[in-house]
Amino acid sequence: MREGYGSGDHGTLADRVAGRAGGEDPSVVATPVTPARHCRVAGEPSLLVEWCRTERGWEGRVVSVVWIDAVGWATVARWLPAADIEPVP
């Protein structure tokens, strides 16, 4: 009979929570891959940080740095339709 958590090929529960697979050096912690992706919105460079499915279709949360008169450069986060977001290879 198996012995509960951590007895399989995936390591202990502590290893899995720490992002390590079974048998790896416990001092090495895996770095998660960020979901953020470079993109363009209206030709300007931006960062896509999240997707959401809505009644209207897919939308992405995009962070951009824009020039606002009388303020200067500002960071703007907004939800945009997928059609407005251009991927950058």
PDB file of N, CA and C in Angstrom:
ATOM      1  N   MET A   1       0.837  -1.186   0.000  1.00  0.00           N
ATOM      2  CA  MET A   1       0.000   0.000   0.000  1.00  0.00           C
ATOM      3  C   MET A   1       0.880   1.246   0.000  1.00  0.00           C
ATOM      4  N   ARG A   2       0.474   2.263  -0.728  1.00  0.00           N
ATOM      5  CA  ARG A   2       1.240   3.507  -0.795  1.00  0.00           C
ATOM      6  C   ARG A   2       1.137   4.244   0.530  1.00  0.00           C
ATOM      7  N   GLU A   3       2.110   5.127   0.776  1.00  0.00           N
ATOM      8  CA  GLU A   3       2.193   5.778   2.083  1.00  0.00           C
ATOM      9  C   GLU A   3       1.744   7.229   2.074  1.00  0.00           C
ATOM     10  N   GLY A   4       0.729   7.584   1.326  1.00  0.00           N
ATOM     11  CA  GLY A   4       0.200   8.940   1.361  1.00  0.00           C
ATOM     12  C   GLY A   4       1.066   9.942   0.631  1.00  0.00           C
ATOM     13  N   TYR A   5       1.079  11.188   1.095  1.00  0.00           N
ATOM     14  CA  TYR A   5       1.795  12.276   0.417  1.00  0.00           C
ATOM     15  C   TYR A   5       3.270  11.980   0.280  1.00  0.00           C
ATOM     16  N   GLY A   6       3.806  12.229  -0.909  1.00  0.00           N
ATOM     17  CA  GLY A   6       5.237  12.179  -1.113  1.00  0.00           C
ATOM     18  C   GLY A   6       5.805  10.818  -1.409  1.00  0.00           C
ATOM     19  N   SER A   7       4.990   9.818  -1.563  1.00  0.00           N
ATOM     20  CA  SER A   7       5.541   8.495  -1.810  1.00  0.00           C
ATOM     21  C   SER A   7       5.660   8.176  -3.299  1.00  0.00           C
ATOM     22  N   GLY A   8       5.199   9.057  -4.159  1.00  0.00           N
ATOM     23  CA  GLY A   8       5.243   8.812  -5.594  1.00  0.00           C
ATOM     24  C   GLY A   8       6.461   9.428  -6.248  1.00  0.00           C
ATOM     25  N   ASP A   9       6.409   9.519  -7.567  1.00  0.00           N
ATOM     26  CA  ASP A   9       7.513  10.064  -8.350  1.00  0.00           C
ATOM     27  C   ASP A   9       7.584  11.588  -8.305  1.00  0.00           C
ATOM     28  N   HIS A  10       6.614  12.228  -7.684  1.00  0.00           N
ATOM     29  CA  HIS A  10       6.549  13.687  -7.696  1.00  0.00           C
ATOM     30  C   HIS A  10       7.177  14.327  -6.465  1.00  0.00           C
ATOM     31  N   GLY A  11       7.791  13.563  -5.593  1.00  0.00           N
ATOM     32  CA  GLY A  11       8.420  14.116  -4.404  1.00  0.00           C
ATOM     33  C   GLY A  11       7.426  14.299  -3.270  1.00  0.00           C
ATOM     34  N   THR A  12       7.920  14.831  -2.174  1.00  0.00           N
ATOM     35  CA  THR A  12       7.067  15.055  -1.019  1.00  0.00           C
ATOM     36  C   THR A  12       6.174  16.254  -1.260  1.00  0.00           C
ATOM     37  N   LEU A  13       5.183  16.417  -0.415  1.00  0.00           N
ATOM     38  CA  LEU A  13       4.304  17.570  -0.516  1.00  0.00           C
ATOM     39  C   LEU A  13       5.114  18.858  -0.354  1.00  0.00           C
ATOM     40  N   ALA A  14       6.066  18.863   0.562  1.00  0.00           N
ATOM     41  CA  ALA A  14       6.921  20.045   0.770  1.00  0.00           C
ATOM     42  C   ALA A  14       7.710  20.370  -0.490  1.00  0.00           C
ATOM     43  N   ASP A  15       8.225  19.337  -1.183  1.00  0.00           N
ATOM     44  CA  ASP A  15       8.963  19.564  -2.428  1.00  0.00           C
ATOM     45  C   ASP A  15       8.053  20.168  -3.492  1.00  0.00           C
ATOM     46  N   ARG A  16       6.844  19.650  -3.596  1.00  0.00           N
ATOM     47  CA  ARG A  16       5.924  20.148  -4.615  1.00  0.00           C
ATOM     48  C   ARG A  16       5.507  21.590  -4.325  1.00  0.00           C
ATOM     49  N   VAL A  17       5.261  21.915  -3.071  1.00  0.00           N
ATOM     50  CA  VAL A  17       4.894  23.283  -2.710  1.00  0.00           C
ATOM     51  C   VAL A  17       6.050  24.235  -2.999  1.00  0.00           C
ATOM     52  N   ALA A  18       7.291  23.771  -2.770  1.00  0.00           N
ATOM     53  CA  ALA A  18       8.472  24.602  -3.013  1.00  0.00           C
ATOM     54  C   ALA A  18       8.857  24.657  -4.482  1.00  0.00           C
ATOM     55  N   GLY A  19       8.153  23.913  -5.342  1.00  0.00           N
ATOM     56  CA  GLY A  19       8.432  23.942  -6.768  1.00  0.00           C
ATOM     57  C   GLY A  19       9.535  22.997  -7.195  1.00  0.00           C
ATOM     58  N   ARG A  20       9.867  22.018  -6.357  1.00  0.00           N
ATOM     59  CA  ARG A  20      10.902  21.045  -6.702  1.00  0.00           C
ATOM     60  C   ARG A  20      10.246  19.715  -7.051  1.00  0.00           C
ATOM     61  N   ALA A  21      10.826  19.020  -8.008  1.00  0.00           N
ATOM     62  CA  ALA A  21      10.364  17.666  -8.317  1.00  0.00           C
ATOM     63  C   ALA A  21      11.103  16.706  -7.399  1.00  0.00           C
ATOM     64  N   GLY A  22      10.614  15.501  -7.262  1.00  0.00           N
ATOM     65  CA  GLY A  22      11.251  14.516  -6.399  1.00  0.00           C
ATOM     66  C   GLY A  22      12.682  14.227  -6.805  1.00  0.00           C
ATOM     67  N   GLY A  23      13.572  14.108  -5.824  1.00  0.00           N
ATOM     68  CA  GLY A  23      14.955  13.741  -6.080  1.00  0.00           C
ATOM     69  C   GLY A  23      15.871  14.913  -6.384  1.00  0.00           C
ATOM     70  N   GLU A  24      15.352  16.125  -6.512  1.00  0.00           N
ATOM     71  CA  GLU A  24      16.203  17.271  -6.788  1.00  0.00           C
ATOM     72  C   GLU A  24      16.827  17.782  -5.498  1.00  0.00           C
ATOM     73  N   ASP A  25      17.886  18.553  -5.659  1.00  0.00           N
ATOM     74  CA  ASP A  25      18.564  19.164  -4.529  1.00  0.00           C
ATOM     75  C   ASP A  25      17.601  20.121  -3.837  1.00  0.00           C
ATOM     76  N   PRO A  26      17.320  19.940  -2.526  1.00  0.00           N
ATOM     77  CA  PRO A  26      16.353  20.802  -1.848  1.00  0.00           C
ATOM     78  C   PRO A  26      16.808  22.259  -1.731  1.00  0.00           C
ATOM     79  N   SER A  27      18.086  22.546  -1.943  1.00  0.00           N
ATOM     80  CA  SER A  27      18.551  23.930  -1.858  1.00  0.00           C
ATOM     81  C   SER A  27      18.265  24.696  -3.152  1.00  0.00           C
ATOM     82  N   VAL A  28      17.869  23.978  -4.216  1.00  0.00           N
ATOM     83  CA  VAL A  28      17.564  24.606  -5.495  1.00  0.00           C
ATOM     84  C   VAL A  28      16.046  24.686  -5.640  1.00  0.00           C
ATOM     85  N   VAL A  29      15.525  25.904  -5.763  1.00  0.00           N
ATOM     86  CA  VAL A  29      14.086  26.102  -5.907  1.00  0.00           C
ATOM     87  C   VAL A  29      13.812  26.561  -7.340  1.00  0.00           C
ATOM     88  N   ALA A  30      12.855  25.932  -7.981  1.00  0.00           N
ATOM     89  CA  ALA A  30      12.510  26.278  -9.359  1.00  0.00           C
ATOM     90  C   ALA A  30      11.884  27.670  -9.404  1.00  0.00           C
ATOM     91  N   THR A  31      12.277  28.458 -10.388  1.00  0.00           N
ATOM     92  CA  THR A  31      11.701  29.779 -10.579  1.00  0.00           C
ATOM     93  C   THR A  31      10.490  29.652 -11.489  1.00  0.00           C
ATOM     94  N   PRO A  32       9.320  30.108 -11.035  1.00  0.00           N
ATOM     95  CA  PRO A  32       8.144  29.998 -11.890  1.00  0.00           C
ATOM     96  C   PRO A  32       8.283  30.889 -13.120  1.00  0.00           C
ATOM     97  N   VAL A  33       7.707  30.454 -14.213  1.00  0.00           N
ATOM     98  CA  VAL A  33       7.740  31.218 -15.462  1.00  0.00           C
ATOM     99  C   VAL A  33       6.627  32.257 -15.415  1.00  0.00           C
ATOM    100  N   THR A  34       6.966  33.498 -15.689  1.00  0.00           N
ATOM    101  CA  THR A  34       5.970  34.564 -15.651  1.00  0.00           C
ATOM    102  C   THR A  34       4.982  34.438 -16.811  1.00  0.00           C
ATOM    103  N   PRO A  35       3.716  34.726 -16.564  1.00  0.00           N
ATOM    104  CA  PRO A  35       2.742  34.693 -17.658  1.00  0.00           C
ATOM    105  C   PRO A  35       2.784  35.964 -18.510  1.00  0.00           C
ATOM    106  N   ALA A  36       3.528  36.985 -18.076  1.00  0.00           N
ATOM    107  CA  ALA A  36       3.576  38.256 -18.800  1.00  0.00           C
ATOM    108  C   ALA A  36       4.262  38.078 -20.152  1.00  0.00           C
ATOM    109  N   ARG A  37       3.743  38.775 -21.154  1.00  0.00           N
ATOM    110  CA  ARG A  37       4.281  38.703 -22.510  1.00  0.00           C
ATOM    111  C   ARG A  37       4.344  40.104 -23.106  1.00  0.00           C
ATOM    112  N   HIS A  38       5.388  40.373 -23.860  1.00  0.00           N
ATOM    113  CA  HIS A  38       5.489  41.638 -24.576  1.00  0.00           C
ATOM    114  C   HIS A  38       4.431  41.657 -25.671  1.00  0.00           C
ATOM    115  N   CYS A  39       3.871  42.831 -25.912  1.00  0.00           N
ATOM    116  CA  CYS A  39       2.870  42.992 -26.966  1.00  0.00           C
ATOM    117  C   CYS A  39       2.889  44.436 -27.440  1.00  0.00           C
ATOM    118  N   ARG A  40       2.047  44.722 -28.412  1.00  0.00           N
ATOM    119  CA  ARG A  40       1.881  46.100 -28.895  1.00  0.00           C
ATOM    120  C   ARG A  40       0.390  46.430 -28.884  1.00  0.00           C
ATOM    121  N   VAL A  41       0.095  47.656 -28.481  1.00  0.00           N
ATOM    122  CA  VAL A  41      -1.273  48.169 -28.505  1.00  0.00           C
ATOM    123  C   VAL A  41      -1.213  49.483 -29.263  1.00  0.00           C
ATOM    124  N   ALA A  42      -1.920  49.562 -30.373  1.00  0.00           N
ATOM    125  CA  ALA A  42      -1.893  50.739 -31.242  1.00  0.00           C
ATOM    126  C   ALA A  42      -0.454  51.094 -31.619  1.00  0.00           C
ATOM    127  N   GLY A  43       0.364  50.073 -31.834  1.00  0.00           N
ATOM    128  CA  GLY A  43       1.750  50.267 -32.250  1.00  0.00           C
ATOM    129  C   GLY A  43       2.727  50.571 -31.129  1.00  0.00           C
ATOM    130  N   GLU A  44       2.235  50.772 -29.921  1.00  0.00           N
ATOM    131  CA  GLU A  44       3.101  51.103 -28.788  1.00  0.00           C
ATOM    132  C   GLU A  44       3.449  49.851 -27.987  1.00  0.00           C
ATOM    133  N   PRO A  45       4.708  49.733 -27.506  1.00  0.00           N
ATOM    134  CA  PRO A  45       5.089  48.563 -26.708  1.00  0.00           C
ATOM    135  C   PRO A  45       4.338  48.533 -25.380  1.00  0.00           C
ATOM    136  N   SER A  46       3.904  47.342 -24.999  1.00  0.00           N
ATOM    137  CA  SER A  46       3.148  47.151 -23.764  1.00  0.00           C
ATOM    138  C   SER A  46       3.481  45.779 -23.198  1.00  0.00           C
ATOM    139  N   LEU A  47       2.856  45.452 -22.076  1.00  0.00           N
ATOM    140  CA  LEU A  47       3.068  44.162 -21.430  1.00  0.00           C
ATOM    141  C   LEU A  47       1.714  43.545 -21.124  1.00  0.00           C
ATOM    142  N   LEU A  48       1.454  42.374 -21.706  1.00  0.00           N
ATOM    143  CA  LEU A  48       0.218  41.628 -21.452  1.00  0.00           C
ATOM    144  C   LEU A  48       0.429  40.804 -20.191  1.00  0.00           C
ATOM    145  N   VAL A  49      -0.393  41.022 -19.164  1.00  0.00           N
ATOM    146  CA  VAL A  49      -0.170  40.338 -17.890  1.00  0.00           C
ATOM    147  C   VAL A  49      -1.258  39.335 -17.520  1.00  0.00           C
ATOM    148  N   GLU A  50      -2.407  39.363 -18.223  1.00  0.00           N
ATOM    149  CA  GLU A  50      -3.496  38.466 -17.830  1.00  0.00           C
ATOM    150  C   GLU A  50      -4.535  38.367 -18.940  1.00  0.00           C
ATOM    151  N   TRP A  51      -5.166  37.192 -19.060  1.00  0.00           N
ATOM    152  CA  TRP A  51      -6.280  36.983 -19.987  1.00  0.00           C
ATOM    153  C   TRP A  51      -7.548  36.729 -19.185  1.00  0.00           C
ATOM    154  N   CYS A  52      -8.685  37.117 -19.750  1.00  0.00           N
ATOM    155  CA  CYS A  52      -9.975  36.860 -19.123  1.00  0.00           C
ATOM    156  C   CYS A  52     -11.006  36.631 -20.221  1.00  0.00           C
ATOM    157  N   ARG A  53     -11.826  35.608 -20.066  1.00  0.00           N
ATOM    158  CA  ARG A  53     -12.900  35.352 -21.034  1.00  0.00           C
ATOM    159  C   ARG A  53     -14.160  36.047 -20.534  1.00  0.00           C
ATOM    160  N   THR A  54     -14.732  36.886 -21.371  1.00  0.00           N
ATOM    161  CA  THR A  54     -15.949  37.625 -21.016  1.00  0.00           C
ATOM    162  C   THR A  54     -17.065  37.236 -21.980  1.00  0.00           C
ATOM    163  N   GLU A  55     -18.224  37.827 -21.785  1.00  0.00           N
ATOM    164  CA  GLU A  55     -19.353  37.573 -22.691  1.00  0.00           C
ATOM    165  C   GLU A  55     -19.048  38.058 -24.104  1.00  0.00           C
ATOM    166  N   ARG A  56     -18.180  39.059 -24.210  1.00  0.00           N
ATOM    167  CA  ARG A  56     -17.814  39.634 -25.510  1.00  0.00           C
ATOM    168  C   ARG A  56     -16.647  38.899 -26.165  1.00  0.00           C
ATOM    169  N   GLY A  57     -16.036  37.947 -25.468  1.00  0.00           N
ATOM    170  CA  GLY A  57     -14.869  37.227 -25.986  1.00  0.00           C
ATOM    171  C   GLY A  57     -13.674  37.419 -25.060  1.00  0.00           C
ATOM    172  N   TRP A  58     -12.486  37.110 -25.555  1.00  0.00           N
ATOM    173  CA  TRP A  58     -11.283  37.213 -24.748  1.00  0.00           C
ATOM    174  C   TRP A  58     -10.816  38.657 -24.631  1.00  0.00           C
ATOM    175  N   GLU A  59     -10.384  39.015 -23.410  1.00  0.00           N
ATOM    176  CA  GLU A  59      -9.799  40.331 -23.161  1.00  0.00           C
ATOM    177  C   GLU A  59      -8.488  40.129 -22.419  1.00  0.00           C
ATOM    178  N   GLY A  60      -7.558  41.047 -22.642  1.00  0.00           N
ATOM    179  CA  GLY A  60      -6.272  40.973 -21.970  1.00  0.00           C
ATOM    180  C   GLY A  60      -6.034  42.217 -21.140  1.00  0.00           C
ATOM    181  N   ARG A  61      -5.427  42.020 -19.957  1.00  0.00           N
ATOM    182  CA  ARG A  61      -5.036  43.166 -19.137  1.00  0.00           C
ATOM    183  C   ARG A  61      -3.643  43.565 -19.571  1.00  0.00           C
ATOM    184  N   VAL A  62      -3.507  44.793 -20.029  1.00  0.00           N
ATOM    185  CA  VAL A  62      -2.271  45.288 -20.614  1.00  0.00           C
ATOM    186  C   VAL A  62      -1.767  46.460 -19.790  1.00  0.00           C
ATOM    187  N   VAL A  63      -0.458  46.465 -19.542  1.00  0.00           N
ATOM    188  CA  VAL A  63       0.181  47.584 -18.850  1.00  0.00           C
ATOM    189  C   VAL A  63       1.037  48.323 -19.868  1.00  0.00           C
ATOM    190  N   SER A  64       0.831  49.637 -19.949  1.00  0.00           N
ATOM    191  CA  SER A  64       1.568  50.466 -20.905  1.00  0.00           C
ATOM    192  C   SER A  64       2.115  51.694 -20.191  1.00  0.00           C
ATOM    193  N   VAL A  65       3.175  52.256 -20.739  1.00  0.00           N
ATOM    194  CA  VAL A  65       3.694  53.533 -20.277  1.00  0.00           C
ATOM    195  C   VAL A  65       3.321  54.550 -21.339  1.00  0.00           C
ATOM    196  N   VAL A  66       2.519  55.539 -20.937  1.00  0.00           N
ATOM    197  CA  VAL A  66       2.007  56.514 -21.896  1.00  0.00           C
ATOM    198  C   VAL A  66       2.332  57.936 -21.440  1.00  0.00           C
ATOM    199  N   TRP A  67       2.409  58.853 -22.409  1.00  0.00           N
ATOM    200  CA  TRP A  67       2.630  60.259 -22.118  1.00  0.00           C
ATOM    201  C   TRP A  67       1.281  60.935 -21.939  1.00  0.00           C
ATOM    202  N   ILE A  68       1.078  61.569 -20.792  1.00  0.00           N
ATOM    203  CA  ILE A  68      -0.156  62.294 -20.523  1.00  0.00           C
ATOM    204  C   ILE A  68       0.221  63.767 -20.338  1.00  0.00           C
ATOM    205  N   ASP A  69      -0.337  64.616 -21.202  1.00  0.00           N
ATOM    206  CA  ASP A  69      -0.030  66.047 -21.108  1.00  0.00           C
ATOM    207  C   ASP A  69      -0.318  66.558 -19.699  1.00  0.00           C
ATOM    208  N   ALA A  70       0.506  67.441 -19.219  1.00  0.00           N
ATOM    209  CA  ALA A  70       0.406  68.070 -17.903  1.00  0.00           C
ATOM    210  C   ALA A  70       0.766  67.115 -16.764  1.00  0.00           C
ATOM    211  N   VAL A  71       1.021  65.868 -17.080  1.00  0.00           N
ATOM    212  CA  VAL A  71       1.413  64.903 -16.051  1.00  0.00           C
ATOM    213  C   VAL A  71       2.782  64.321 -16.369  1.00  0.00           C
ATOM    214  N   GLY A  72       2.990  63.989 -17.617  1.00  0.00           N
ATOM    215  CA  GLY A  72       4.234  63.336 -18.034  1.00  0.00           C
ATOM    216  C   GLY A  72       3.988  61.857 -18.257  1.00  0.00           C
ATOM    217  N   TRP A  73       5.030  61.051 -18.093  1.00  0.00           N
ATOM    218  CA  TRP A  73       4.911  59.612 -18.301  1.00  0.00           C
ATOM    219  C   TRP A  73       4.139  58.980 -17.156  1.00  0.00           C
ATOM    220  N   ALA A  74       3.241  58.076 -17.505  1.00  0.00           N
ATOM    221  CA  ALA A  74       2.423  57.390 -16.506  1.00  0.00           C
ATOM    222  C   ALA A  74       2.228  55.933 -16.917  1.00  0.00           C
ATOM    223  N   THR A  75       2.077  55.084 -15.926  1.00  0.00           N
ATOM    224  CA  THR A  75       1.786  53.674 -16.171  1.00  0.00           C
ATOM    225  C   THR A  75       0.275  53.494 -16.159  1.00  0.00           C
ATOM    226  N   VAL A  76      -0.237  52.863 -17.212  1.00  0.00           N
ATOM    227  CA  VAL A  76      -1.681  52.670 -17.347  1.00  0.00           C
ATOM    228  C   VAL A  76      -1.952  51.180 -17.522  1.00  0.00           C
ATOM    229  N   ALA A  77      -2.844  50.638 -16.702  1.00  0.00           N
ATOM    230  CA  ALA A  77      -3.290  49.247 -16.844  1.00  0.00           C
ATOM    231  C   ALA A  77      -4.739  49.278 -17.313  1.00  0.00           C
ATOM    232  N   ARG A  78      -5.047  48.477 -18.333  1.00  0.00           N
ATOM    233  CA  ARG A  78      -6.409  48.479 -18.872  1.00  0.00           C
ATOM    234  C   ARG A  78      -6.738  47.129 -19.477  1.00  0.00           C
ATOM    235  N   TRP A  79      -8.036  46.824 -19.529  1.00  0.00           N
ATOM    236  CA  TRP A  79      -8.538  45.621 -20.182  1.00  0.00           C
ATOM    237  C   TRP A  79      -8.895  45.986 -21.607  1.00  0.00           C
ATOM    238  N   LEU A  80      -8.366  45.201 -22.558  1.00  0.00           N
ATOM    239  CA  LEU A  80      -8.622  45.457 -23.973  1.00  0.00           C
ATOM    240  C   LEU A  80      -9.085  44.181 -24.667  1.00  0.00           C
ATOM    241  N   PRO A  81      -9.909  44.308 -25.723  1.00  0.00           N
ATOM    242  CA  PRO A  81     -10.286  43.125 -26.500  1.00  0.00           C
ATOM    243  C   PRO A  81      -9.039  42.495 -27.139  1.00  0.00           C
ATOM    244  N   ALA A  82      -9.062  41.193 -27.280  1.00  0.00           N
ATOM    245  CA  ALA A  82      -7.915  40.474 -27.847  1.00  0.00           C
ATOM    246  C   ALA A  82      -7.522  41.018 -29.212  1.00  0.00           C
ATOM    247  N   ALA A  83      -8.480  41.482 -29.989  1.00  0.00           N
ATOM    248  CA  ALA A  83      -8.200  42.005 -31.333  1.00  0.00           C
ATOM    249  C   ALA A  83      -7.332  43.251 -31.296  1.00  0.00           C
ATOM    250  N   ASP A  84      -7.316  43.974 -30.182  1.00  0.00           N
ATOM    251  CA  ASP A  84      -6.517  45.188 -30.048  1.00  0.00           C
ATOM    252  C   ASP A  84      -5.085  44.921 -29.590  1.00  0.00           C
ATOM    253  N   ILE A  85      -4.786  43.672 -29.241  1.00  0.00           N
ATOM    254  CA  ILE A  85      -3.471  43.310 -28.696  1.00  0.00           C
ATOM    255  C   ILE A  85      -2.686  42.552 -29.753  1.00  0.00           C
ATOM    256  N   GLU A  86      -1.545  43.097 -30.123  1.00  0.00           N
ATOM    257  CA  GLU A  86      -0.694  42.474 -31.154  1.00  0.00           C
ATOM    258  C   GLU A  86       0.491  41.784 -30.477  1.00  0.00           C
ATOM    259  N   PRO A  87       0.681  40.484 -30.709  1.00  0.00           N
ATOM    260  CA  PRO A  87       1.806  39.789 -30.091  1.00  0.00           C
ATOM    261  C   PRO A  87       3.132  40.256 -30.683  1.00  0.00           C
ATOM    262  N   VAL A  88       4.175  40.214 -29.881  1.00  0.00           N
ATOM    263  CA  VAL A  88       5.526  40.536 -30.332  1.00  0.00           C
ATOM    264  C   VAL A  88       6.322  39.232 -30.292  1.00  0.00           C
ATOM    265  N   PRO A  89       6.884  38.814 -31.442  1.00  0.00           N
ATOM    266  CA  PRO A  89       7.631  37.545 -31.465  1.00  0.00           C
ATOM    267  C   PRO A  89       8.906  37.599 -30.654  1.00  0.00           C
TER     268      PRO A  89
END
